[in-house]
Amino acid sequence: MNNALSDQDVTAVQNILMEQLSVTREQILPEASIVGDLTADSLDVIEINMALEEHFNLALPDEPFDPAMTVGELYELVANQREPSARSGSGR
């Protein structure tokens, strides 16, 4: 499911969710809904989106991610956005 993200990247996403939503790491299960289970509101979703962009140096779409997505889907979103640069940008 999140095979494309390293353990360090998964931890970084979890840390962002913990900071933005005041949840524990134990609550951040791959199947947990960001809005339904972790109780994010629309402002939280925007702040999480911005924190992900800043931490991972991503340019996510102007619209924040789908608030109905699960944590596992969020991992996939980050992995898919990082994929081109992760494969080609490490040999400077």
Protein backbone atom coordinates (compact mmCIF):
# COMPACT_ATOMS: atom_id res chain seq x y z
CA MET A 1 0.00 0.00 0.00
CA ASN A 2 2.68 2.54 0.89
CA ASN A 3 5.58 0.59 -0.61
CA ALA A 4 6.74 3.72 -2.42
CA LEU A 5 7.33 5.66 0.81
CA SER A 6 10.26 4.94 3.08
CA ASP A 7 9.66 4.41 6.79
CA GLN A 8 11.14 7.88 7.34
CA ASP A 9 8.61 9.43 4.93
CA VAL A 10 5.70 7.55 6.52
CA THR A 11 6.84 8.87 9.91
CA ALA A 12 7.04 12.40 8.50
CA VAL A 13 3.45 12.18 7.20
CA GLN A 14 2.34 10.79 10.56
CA ASN A 15 4.13 13.62 12.39
CA ILE A 16 2.33 16.19 10.24
CA LEU A 17 -1.02 14.55 10.97
CA MET A 18 -0.23 14.36 14.70
CA GLU A 19 0.75 18.02 14.83
CA GLN A 20 -2.16 19.32 12.76
CA LEU A 21 -4.89 17.11 14.26
CA SER A 22 -3.68 16.49 17.82
CA VAL A 23 -3.97 12.73 17.39
CA THR A 24 -1.66 9.95 18.52
CA ARG A 25 0.45 7.80 16.21
CA GLU A 26 -1.71 4.81 17.21
CA GLN A 27 -4.77 6.53 15.70
CA ILE A 28 -3.06 7.01 12.33
CA LEU A 29 -3.92 3.70 10.73
CA PRO A 30 -3.76 3.28 6.94
CA GLU A 31 -7.51 2.67 6.81
CA ALA A 32 -8.37 5.69 9.02
CA SER A 33 -10.39 8.39 7.28
CA ILE A 34 -8.72 11.77 7.71
CA VAL A 35 -12.03 13.56 8.24
CA GLY A 36 -14.20 10.77 9.65
CA ASP A 37 -11.76 9.05 12.00
CA LEU A 38 -9.14 11.72 12.65
CA THR A 39 -11.75 14.54 12.74
CA ALA A 40 -10.00 16.93 10.36
CA ASP A 41 -12.03 19.95 9.27
CA SER A 42 -11.59 21.91 6.03
CA LEU A 43 -8.96 24.21 7.55
CA ASP A 44 -7.04 21.19 8.87
CA VAL A 45 -7.05 19.69 5.37
CA ILE A 46 -5.59 22.89 3.91
CA GLU A 47 -2.93 23.08 6.64
CA ILE A 48 -1.99 19.42 6.17
CA ASN A 49 -1.72 20.00 2.42
CA MET A 50 0.57 23.00 2.98
CA ALA A 51 2.70 21.12 5.54
CA LEU A 52 3.13 18.20 3.12
CA GLU A 53 4.15 20.58 0.33
CA GLU A 54 6.70 22.28 2.57
CA HIS A 55 8.16 19.15 4.15
CA PHE A 56 8.42 17.11 0.96
CA ASN A 57 9.07 20.06 -1.38
CA LEU A 58 6.02 19.14 -3.44
CA ALA A 59 3.74 21.16 -5.66
CA LEU A 60 0.38 19.59 -4.88
CA PRO A 61 -2.70 20.59 -6.87
CA ASP A 62 -4.27 23.93 -5.91
CA GLU A 63 -7.20 22.08 -4.39
CA PRO A 64 -6.27 20.27 -1.19
CA PHE A 65 -6.45 16.49 -1.20
CA ASP A 66 -9.85 14.83 -0.97
CA PRO A 67 -10.89 15.09 2.69
CA ALA A 68 -12.62 11.70 2.45
CA MET A 69 -9.33 9.96 1.74
CA THR A 70 -7.72 7.56 4.15
CA VAL A 71 -4.25 7.82 5.64
CA GLY A 72 -3.12 5.04 3.28
CA GLU A 73 -4.39 7.03 0.30
CA LEU A 74 -2.53 10.07 1.62
CA TYR A 75 0.68 8.01 1.70
CA GLU A 76 0.03 7.05 -1.93
CA LEU A 77 -0.61 10.67 -2.90
CA VAL A 78 2.71 11.77 -1.40
CA ALA A 79 4.52 8.81 -2.99
CA ASN A 80 3.04 9.54 -6.41
CA GLN A 81 3.97 13.23 -6.18
CA ARG A 82 7.51 12.41 -5.06
CA GLU A 83 8.14 9.58 -7.50
CA PRO A 84 9.70 11.49 -10.43
CA SER A 85 12.06 13.54 -8.26
CA ALA A 86 12.88 10.69 -5.90
CA ARG A 87 14.12 8.56 -8.77
CA SER A 88 16.06 11.19 -10.67
CA GLY A 89 17.11 13.80 -8.16
CA SER A 90 19.45 11.97 -5.84
CA GLY A 91 22.64 11.80 -7.89
CA ARG A 92 23.92 15.35 -7.82
